[in-house]
N, C-alpha and C. Protein backbone atom coordinates (compact mmCIF):
# COMPACT_ATOMS: atom_id res chain seq x y z
N MET A 1 -49.92 -19.03 -21.32
CA MET A 1 -49.31 -19.86 -22.14
C MET A 1 -50.20 -20.42 -22.98
N THR A 2 -49.81 -20.74 -24.48
CA THR A 2 -50.84 -21.25 -25.38
C THR A 2 -50.78 -22.65 -25.16
N ALA A 3 -51.58 -23.48 -25.90
CA ALA A 3 -51.66 -24.77 -25.86
C ALA A 3 -50.39 -25.28 -26.64
N ASP A 4 -49.91 -24.66 -27.60
CA ASP A 4 -48.77 -25.11 -28.28
C ASP A 4 -47.40 -24.79 -27.77
N SER A 5 -47.39 -24.22 -26.50
CA SER A 5 -46.20 -23.88 -25.89
C SER A 5 -45.27 -25.04 -25.63
N SER A 6 -44.08 -24.98 -25.90
CA SER A 6 -43.14 -26.06 -25.61
C SER A 6 -42.94 -26.34 -23.84
N ASP A 7 -42.43 -27.35 -23.61
CA ASP A 7 -42.06 -27.52 -22.24
C ASP A 7 -41.01 -26.75 -21.82
N ALA A 8 -40.04 -26.18 -22.92
CA ALA A 8 -38.86 -25.29 -22.45
C ALA A 8 -39.55 -24.07 -21.89
N ASP A 9 -40.71 -23.62 -22.74
CA ASP A 9 -41.17 -22.43 -22.41
C ASP A 9 -41.81 -22.38 -20.92
N ARG A 10 -42.28 -23.55 -20.37
CA ARG A 10 -42.86 -23.52 -19.17
C ARG A 10 -41.88 -23.70 -17.85
N ARG A 11 -40.69 -24.12 -18.30
CA ARG A 11 -39.81 -24.53 -17.24
C ARG A 11 -39.51 -23.50 -16.49
N ILE A 12 -39.27 -23.72 -15.31
CA ILE A 12 -38.70 -22.44 -14.45
C ILE A 12 -37.25 -22.65 -14.18
N VAL A 13 -36.41 -21.52 -14.63
CA VAL A 13 -35.06 -21.45 -14.40
C VAL A 13 -34.62 -21.48 -13.13
N LYS A 14 -33.77 -22.25 -12.51
CA LYS A 14 -33.11 -21.88 -11.14
C LYS A 14 -32.08 -20.98 -11.16
N ALA A 15 -32.32 -20.00 -10.31
CA ALA A 15 -31.34 -18.78 -10.03
C ALA A 15 -30.05 -19.26 -9.15
N PRO A 16 -28.95 -18.96 -9.50
CA PRO A 16 -27.81 -19.21 -8.66
C PRO A 16 -27.86 -18.52 -7.46
N VAL A 17 -27.20 -18.95 -6.29
CA VAL A 17 -27.06 -18.35 -5.20
C VAL A 17 -26.88 -17.02 -5.18
N GLY A 18 -27.33 -15.94 -4.65
CA GLY A 18 -26.75 -14.60 -4.53
C GLY A 18 -27.56 -13.89 -5.92
N CYS A 19 -28.20 -14.50 -6.63
CA CYS A 19 -28.75 -13.92 -7.96
C CYS A 19 -30.45 -13.57 -7.34
N ASP A 20 -30.81 -12.26 -7.57
CA ASP A 20 -32.04 -12.01 -7.28
C ASP A 20 -32.80 -11.93 -8.66
N CYS A 21 -32.49 -12.58 -9.67
CA CYS A 21 -33.40 -12.34 -10.95
C CYS A 21 -34.73 -12.73 -11.08
N HIS A 22 -35.12 -13.54 -9.99
CA HIS A 22 -36.25 -14.23 -9.89
C HIS A 22 -37.32 -13.33 -8.98
N SER A 23 -36.83 -12.32 -8.34
CA SER A 23 -37.64 -11.46 -7.61
C SER A 23 -38.54 -10.78 -8.56
N ARG A 24 -39.66 -10.54 -8.13
CA ARG A 24 -40.81 -9.93 -8.75
C ARG A 24 -40.41 -8.52 -8.94
N ARG A 25 -39.48 -7.79 -8.26
CA ARG A 25 -39.20 -6.45 -8.02
C ARG A 25 -37.72 -6.40 -8.66
N THR A 26 -38.09 -6.04 -9.98
CA THR A 26 -36.70 -5.84 -10.94
C THR A 26 -36.77 -4.48 -11.58
N PRO A 27 -36.71 -3.23 -10.74
CA PRO A 27 -36.82 -2.15 -11.15
C PRO A 27 -35.74 -1.88 -12.12
N ARG A 28 -35.98 -1.38 -13.26
CA ARG A 28 -35.07 -1.01 -14.53
C ARG A 28 -33.91 -2.09 -14.71
N PHE A 29 -33.79 -3.06 -14.26
CA PHE A 29 -33.03 -4.12 -14.74
C PHE A 29 -31.40 -3.75 -14.43
N VAL A 30 -31.04 -3.16 -13.33
CA VAL A 30 -29.97 -2.55 -12.86
C VAL A 30 -29.05 -3.57 -12.80
N VAL A 31 -29.37 -4.76 -12.12
CA VAL A 31 -28.56 -5.91 -11.86
C VAL A 31 -27.89 -6.59 -13.03
N PRO A 32 -28.76 -6.74 -13.96
CA PRO A 32 -28.30 -7.67 -15.29
C PRO A 32 -27.66 -6.54 -16.00
N SER A 33 -27.98 -5.40 -16.00
CA SER A 33 -27.20 -4.30 -16.69
C SER A 33 -25.90 -4.14 -16.27
N LEU A 34 -25.64 -4.25 -15.04
CA LEU A 34 -24.21 -4.13 -14.50
C LEU A 34 -23.60 -5.22 -14.82
N LEU A 35 -24.08 -6.46 -14.57
CA LEU A 35 -23.40 -7.72 -14.83
C LEU A 35 -22.98 -7.78 -16.43
N LEU A 36 -23.91 -7.44 -17.00
CA LEU A 36 -23.59 -7.39 -18.58
C LEU A 36 -22.47 -6.59 -18.98
N LEU A 37 -22.44 -5.27 -18.43
CA LEU A 37 -21.41 -4.47 -18.79
C LEU A 37 -20.02 -5.04 -18.20
N LEU A 38 -20.16 -5.53 -17.03
CA LEU A 38 -18.80 -5.97 -16.43
C LEU A 38 -18.35 -7.39 -17.13
N LYS A 39 -19.36 -7.99 -17.89
CA LYS A 39 -18.96 -9.21 -18.63
C LYS A 39 -18.10 -8.66 -19.90
N GLY A 40 -18.47 -7.53 -20.37
CA GLY A 40 -17.64 -6.88 -21.48
C GLY A 40 -16.36 -6.48 -20.93
N LYS A 41 -16.23 -5.77 -19.91
CA LYS A 41 -14.78 -5.22 -19.54
C LYS A 41 -15.15 -4.76 -18.13
N PRO A 42 -13.81 -5.03 -17.19
CA PRO A 42 -14.00 -4.30 -15.59
C PRO A 42 -14.46 -2.90 -15.96
N GLY A 43 -14.85 -2.42 -14.75
CA GLY A 43 -15.14 -1.07 -14.93
C GLY A 43 -15.02 -0.29 -13.36
N TYR A 44 -15.02 0.97 -13.32
CA TYR A 44 -15.28 1.67 -12.10
C TYR A 44 -16.58 2.18 -12.00
N GLY A 45 -16.96 2.54 -10.63
CA GLY A 45 -18.40 2.78 -10.37
C GLY A 45 -19.12 3.94 -11.27
N TYR A 46 -18.23 5.18 -11.44
CA TYR A 46 -18.47 6.11 -12.49
C TYR A 46 -18.72 5.90 -13.73
N GLU A 47 -17.59 5.16 -14.30
CA GLU A 47 -17.75 4.59 -15.59
C GLU A 47 -18.92 3.98 -16.02
N LEU A 48 -19.27 2.92 -14.91
CA LEU A 48 -20.44 1.94 -15.07
C LEU A 48 -21.58 2.71 -15.14
N MET A 49 -21.74 3.86 -14.45
CA MET A 49 -22.93 4.92 -14.44
C MET A 49 -23.22 5.27 -15.98
N GLN A 50 -22.04 5.67 -16.48
CA GLN A 50 -22.05 6.36 -17.77
C GLN A 50 -22.55 5.24 -18.91
N ARG A 51 -22.01 3.92 -18.68
CA ARG A 51 -22.15 2.94 -19.52
C ARG A 51 -23.75 2.30 -19.44
N LEU A 52 -24.29 2.53 -18.26
CA LEU A 52 -25.70 2.18 -18.01
C LEU A 52 -26.53 2.98 -18.76
N GLY A 53 -26.13 4.34 -18.70
CA GLY A 53 -27.05 5.26 -19.76
C GLY A 53 -27.12 4.97 -21.03
N GLU A 54 -25.90 4.67 -21.84
CA GLU A 54 -25.60 4.22 -22.97
C GLU A 54 -26.54 2.95 -23.50
N LEU A 55 -26.98 2.33 -22.47
CA LEU A 55 -27.63 1.02 -22.67
C LEU A 55 -29.15 1.53 -23.19
N GLY A 56 -29.64 2.76 -22.99
CA GLY A 56 -31.09 3.03 -23.27
C GLY A 56 -32.06 2.58 -22.46
N LEU A 57 -31.79 1.99 -21.39
CA LEU A 57 -32.89 1.26 -20.62
C LEU A 57 -33.61 2.03 -19.57
N PHE A 58 -32.78 3.14 -19.37
CA PHE A 58 -33.09 4.04 -18.23
C PHE A 58 -33.62 5.26 -18.56
N ASP A 59 -34.61 5.92 -17.74
CA ASP A 59 -34.98 7.34 -17.80
C ASP A 59 -34.17 8.13 -17.20
N GLY A 60 -33.38 8.90 -17.98
CA GLY A 60 -32.39 9.90 -17.40
C GLY A 60 -30.97 9.16 -17.00
N PRO A 61 -30.25 9.88 -16.14
CA PRO A 61 -28.93 9.24 -15.96
C PRO A 61 -29.20 8.22 -14.53
N ALA A 62 -28.39 7.39 -14.47
CA ALA A 62 -28.41 6.51 -13.39
C ALA A 62 -28.06 7.22 -11.99
N ASP A 63 -28.87 6.63 -11.02
CA ASP A 63 -28.77 7.33 -9.78
C ASP A 63 -27.39 6.67 -9.20
N PRO A 64 -26.65 7.67 -8.66
CA PRO A 64 -25.24 7.04 -8.28
C PRO A 64 -25.47 6.33 -7.03
N ALA A 65 -26.33 6.65 -6.15
CA ALA A 65 -26.41 5.96 -4.78
C ALA A 65 -26.82 4.47 -5.16
N ALA A 66 -27.94 4.42 -6.18
CA ALA A 66 -28.50 3.09 -6.41
C ALA A 66 -27.45 2.33 -6.97
N VAL A 67 -26.55 2.84 -7.91
CA VAL A 67 -25.58 1.93 -8.48
C VAL A 67 -24.47 1.52 -7.52
N TYR A 68 -24.17 2.37 -6.72
CA TYR A 68 -22.95 1.93 -5.70
C TYR A 68 -23.54 0.75 -4.75
N ARG A 69 -24.91 1.12 -4.37
CA ARG A 69 -25.30 0.37 -3.36
C ARG A 69 -25.64 -1.26 -4.26
N THR A 70 -26.09 -1.22 -5.37
CA THR A 70 -26.19 -2.47 -6.01
C THR A 70 -24.91 -3.23 -6.36
N LEU A 71 -23.84 -2.36 -6.64
CA LEU A 71 -22.52 -3.02 -6.74
C LEU A 71 -22.08 -3.52 -5.40
N ARG A 72 -22.19 -2.91 -4.39
CA ARG A 72 -21.94 -3.42 -3.02
C ARG A 72 -22.75 -4.71 -2.80
N LYS A 73 -23.90 -4.83 -3.15
CA LYS A 73 -24.78 -5.98 -3.04
C LYS A 73 -24.37 -7.14 -3.79
N LEU A 74 -23.89 -6.67 -4.99
CA LEU A 74 -23.57 -7.80 -6.13
C LEU A 74 -22.24 -8.45 -5.29
N GLU A 75 -21.34 -7.53 -4.78
CA GLU A 75 -19.91 -7.90 -4.32
C GLU A 75 -20.32 -8.85 -3.11
N SER A 76 -21.26 -8.54 -2.13
CA SER A 76 -21.71 -9.26 -0.97
C SER A 76 -21.96 -10.66 -1.42
N ASN A 77 -22.80 -10.69 -2.35
CA ASN A 77 -23.31 -11.97 -2.87
C ASN A 77 -22.32 -12.71 -4.17
N LYS A 78 -21.13 -12.09 -4.01
CA LYS A 78 -20.00 -12.74 -4.76
C LYS A 78 -20.30 -12.85 -6.26
N LEU A 79 -21.12 -12.08 -6.64
CA LEU A 79 -21.19 -11.85 -8.29
C LEU A 79 -20.35 -10.77 -9.11
N VAL A 80 -19.71 -10.09 -8.13
CA VAL A 80 -18.54 -9.16 -8.73
C VAL A 80 -17.65 -9.29 -7.66
N ARG A 81 -16.28 -8.71 -7.80
CA ARG A 81 -15.36 -8.51 -6.84
C ARG A 81 -14.81 -7.23 -7.20
N SER A 82 -13.89 -6.53 -6.21
CA SER A 82 -13.41 -5.29 -6.68
C SER A 82 -12.18 -5.16 -5.99
N VAL A 83 -11.38 -4.68 -6.48
CA VAL A 83 -9.90 -4.12 -5.94
C VAL A 83 -9.72 -2.71 -6.27
N TRP A 84 -9.06 -2.20 -4.99
CA TRP A 84 -8.76 -0.61 -5.07
C TRP A 84 -7.68 -0.70 -6.25
N ASP A 85 -7.77 0.50 -6.89
CA ASP A 85 -6.78 0.86 -8.08
C ASP A 85 -6.16 2.16 -7.47
N THR A 86 -4.92 2.07 -7.05
CA THR A 86 -4.29 3.31 -6.36
C THR A 86 -3.24 3.60 -7.31
N LYS A 87 -2.90 3.17 -8.62
CA LYS A 87 -1.80 3.21 -9.40
C LYS A 87 -2.01 4.66 -10.06
N ASN A 88 -3.30 5.11 -10.51
CA ASN A 88 -3.56 6.50 -11.30
C ASN A 88 -3.43 7.61 -10.22
N THR A 89 -3.29 8.81 -10.77
CA THR A 89 -3.24 10.13 -9.90
C THR A 89 -4.76 10.30 -9.41
N GLY A 90 -4.78 11.00 -8.20
CA GLY A 90 -6.27 11.32 -7.67
C GLY A 90 -6.51 10.08 -6.66
N PRO A 91 -7.65 10.15 -6.00
CA PRO A 91 -8.09 9.18 -5.17
C PRO A 91 -8.11 7.83 -5.64
N ALA A 92 -8.03 6.90 -4.85
CA ALA A 92 -8.12 5.53 -5.17
C ALA A 92 -9.58 5.15 -5.43
N ARG A 93 -9.67 4.27 -6.47
CA ARG A 93 -11.04 4.06 -6.97
C ARG A 93 -10.99 2.40 -7.09
N ARG A 94 -12.24 1.93 -6.90
CA ARG A 94 -12.54 0.49 -6.90
C ARG A 94 -12.96 -0.02 -8.39
N CYS A 95 -12.17 -1.06 -8.88
CA CYS A 95 -12.25 -1.55 -10.09
C CYS A 95 -13.20 -2.96 -9.92
N TYR A 96 -14.39 -2.96 -10.55
CA TYR A 96 -14.98 -4.17 -10.50
C TYR A 96 -15.24 -5.11 -11.61
N ARG A 97 -15.14 -6.31 -11.40
CA ARG A 97 -14.92 -7.45 -12.33
C ARG A 97 -16.24 -8.67 -11.85
N ILE A 98 -16.62 -9.20 -13.22
CA ILE A 98 -17.53 -10.07 -12.69
C ILE A 98 -17.08 -11.48 -12.29
N THR A 99 -17.56 -12.19 -11.59
CA THR A 99 -17.07 -13.44 -11.18
C THR A 99 -17.72 -14.54 -11.93
N ALA A 100 -17.26 -15.75 -11.65
CA ALA A 100 -17.87 -16.94 -12.20
C ALA A 100 -19.19 -17.16 -11.75
N ALA A 101 -19.61 -16.76 -10.44
CA ALA A 101 -21.06 -16.72 -9.97
C ALA A 101 -21.90 -15.70 -10.72
N GLY A 102 -21.24 -14.63 -10.94
CA GLY A 102 -21.88 -13.36 -11.51
C GLY A 102 -22.09 -13.86 -13.16
N GLN A 103 -21.10 -14.58 -13.71
CA GLN A 103 -21.61 -15.20 -15.12
C GLN A 103 -22.72 -16.29 -14.95
N ARG A 104 -22.90 -16.73 -14.00
CA ARG A 104 -24.02 -17.86 -14.03
C ARG A 104 -25.30 -17.07 -13.65
N SER A 105 -25.23 -15.98 -12.80
CA SER A 105 -26.25 -15.18 -12.63
C SER A 105 -26.93 -14.62 -13.77
N LEU A 106 -25.75 -14.23 -14.57
CA LEU A 106 -26.20 -13.14 -15.92
C LEU A 106 -26.84 -14.38 -16.84
N LYS A 107 -26.54 -15.64 -16.89
CA LYS A 107 -27.33 -16.51 -17.72
C LYS A 107 -28.72 -16.71 -17.16
N ALA A 108 -28.87 -16.72 -15.73
CA ALA A 108 -30.08 -16.72 -15.34
C ALA A 108 -30.91 -15.63 -15.51
N TRP A 109 -30.36 -14.54 -15.60
CA TRP A 109 -31.07 -13.38 -16.03
C TRP A 109 -31.57 -13.27 -17.56
N LYS A 110 -30.53 -13.71 -18.31
CA LYS A 110 -31.03 -13.88 -19.72
C LYS A 110 -32.31 -14.61 -19.87
N ALA A 111 -32.35 -15.68 -19.15
CA ALA A 111 -33.39 -16.69 -19.42
C ALA A 111 -34.86 -15.93 -18.76
N VAL A 112 -34.63 -15.33 -17.60
CA VAL A 112 -35.97 -14.41 -16.95
C VAL A 112 -36.29 -13.65 -17.95
N ILE A 113 -35.26 -12.54 -18.45
CA ILE A 113 -35.65 -11.71 -19.39
C ILE A 113 -36.37 -12.16 -20.55
N ALA A 114 -35.87 -13.20 -21.21
CA ALA A 114 -36.46 -13.93 -22.36
C ALA A 114 -37.90 -14.34 -21.88
N GLU A 115 -38.03 -14.82 -20.78
CA GLU A 115 -39.40 -15.42 -20.44
C GLU A 115 -40.52 -14.09 -20.40
N ARG A 116 -39.97 -12.92 -19.75
CA ARG A 116 -40.76 -11.76 -19.64
C ARG A 116 -41.05 -11.06 -20.93
N LYS A 117 -40.02 -11.35 -21.79
CA LYS A 117 -40.19 -10.62 -23.00
C LYS A 117 -41.32 -11.50 -24.03
N MET A 118 -41.38 -12.76 -23.74
CA MET A 118 -42.30 -13.68 -24.37
C MET A 118 -43.83 -13.21 -23.92
N LYS A 119 -43.91 -13.04 -22.45
CA LYS A 119 -45.09 -12.88 -21.92
C LYS A 119 -45.55 -11.40 -22.21
N LEU A 120 -44.47 -10.23 -22.48
CA LEU A 120 -44.95 -9.28 -22.87
C LEU A 120 -45.57 -9.22 -24.35
N GLU A 121 -44.73 -9.87 -25.21
CA GLU A 121 -45.19 -10.12 -26.64
C GLU A 121 -46.65 -10.83 -26.66
N GLN A 122 -46.95 -11.68 -25.71
CA GLN A 122 -48.41 -12.25 -25.77
C GLN A 122 -49.24 -10.96 -25.38
N LEU A 123 -49.18 -10.39 -24.52
CA LEU A 123 -49.90 -9.27 -24.12
C LEU A 123 -50.04 -8.21 -25.11
N LEU A 124 -49.03 -8.07 -25.82
CA LEU A 124 -49.16 -7.14 -26.96
C LEU A 124 -50.10 -7.81 -28.12
N LYS A 125 -49.96 -8.93 -28.30
CA LYS A 125 -50.87 -9.60 -29.32
C LYS A 125 -52.27 -9.56 -28.86
N MET A 126 -52.64 -9.44 -27.62
CA MET A 126 -53.91 -9.44 -27.05
C MET A 126 -54.32 -8.06 -27.53
N PHE A 127 -53.54 -6.88 -27.33
CA PHE A 127 -53.96 -5.50 -27.75
C PHE A 127 -54.44 -5.41 -29.39
N ASP A 128 -53.79 -6.51 -30.07
CA ASP A 128 -54.08 -6.52 -31.27
C ASP A 128 -55.20 -7.39 -31.75
N GLY A 129 -55.90 -8.09 -30.87
CA GLY A 129 -56.82 -9.03 -31.08
C GLY A 129 -56.40 -10.24 -31.43
N LYS A 130 -55.14 -10.76 -31.47
CA LYS A 130 -54.60 -12.02 -31.96
C LYS A 130 -54.67 -13.07 -30.91
């Protein structure tokens, strides 16, 4: 932090229960990406994998096992909920929706990402000798 950083820059954002946004291991930001996609509209696992690819944050296509594992974890932490959709032809599919707790988690993620962005920008300035 610089001497002129505001107190707001130094504060630690408390994460909601079930949110792992403060974990030092945030590979590829799958959790906040899924929550953000579900904030926009509910979705099915396969559809969410496609939409993850459209975000441009990932190298190559999303790993199906990782996406479904993450969705199960989000659901067990009550950040998303799912219902079986049996109305369409073909096999039943789970439709995922973000919960109120998921919305709070997404806000915490936004703060964490903003903080990391600031730190990365400071690091980039160092490369330029500023």
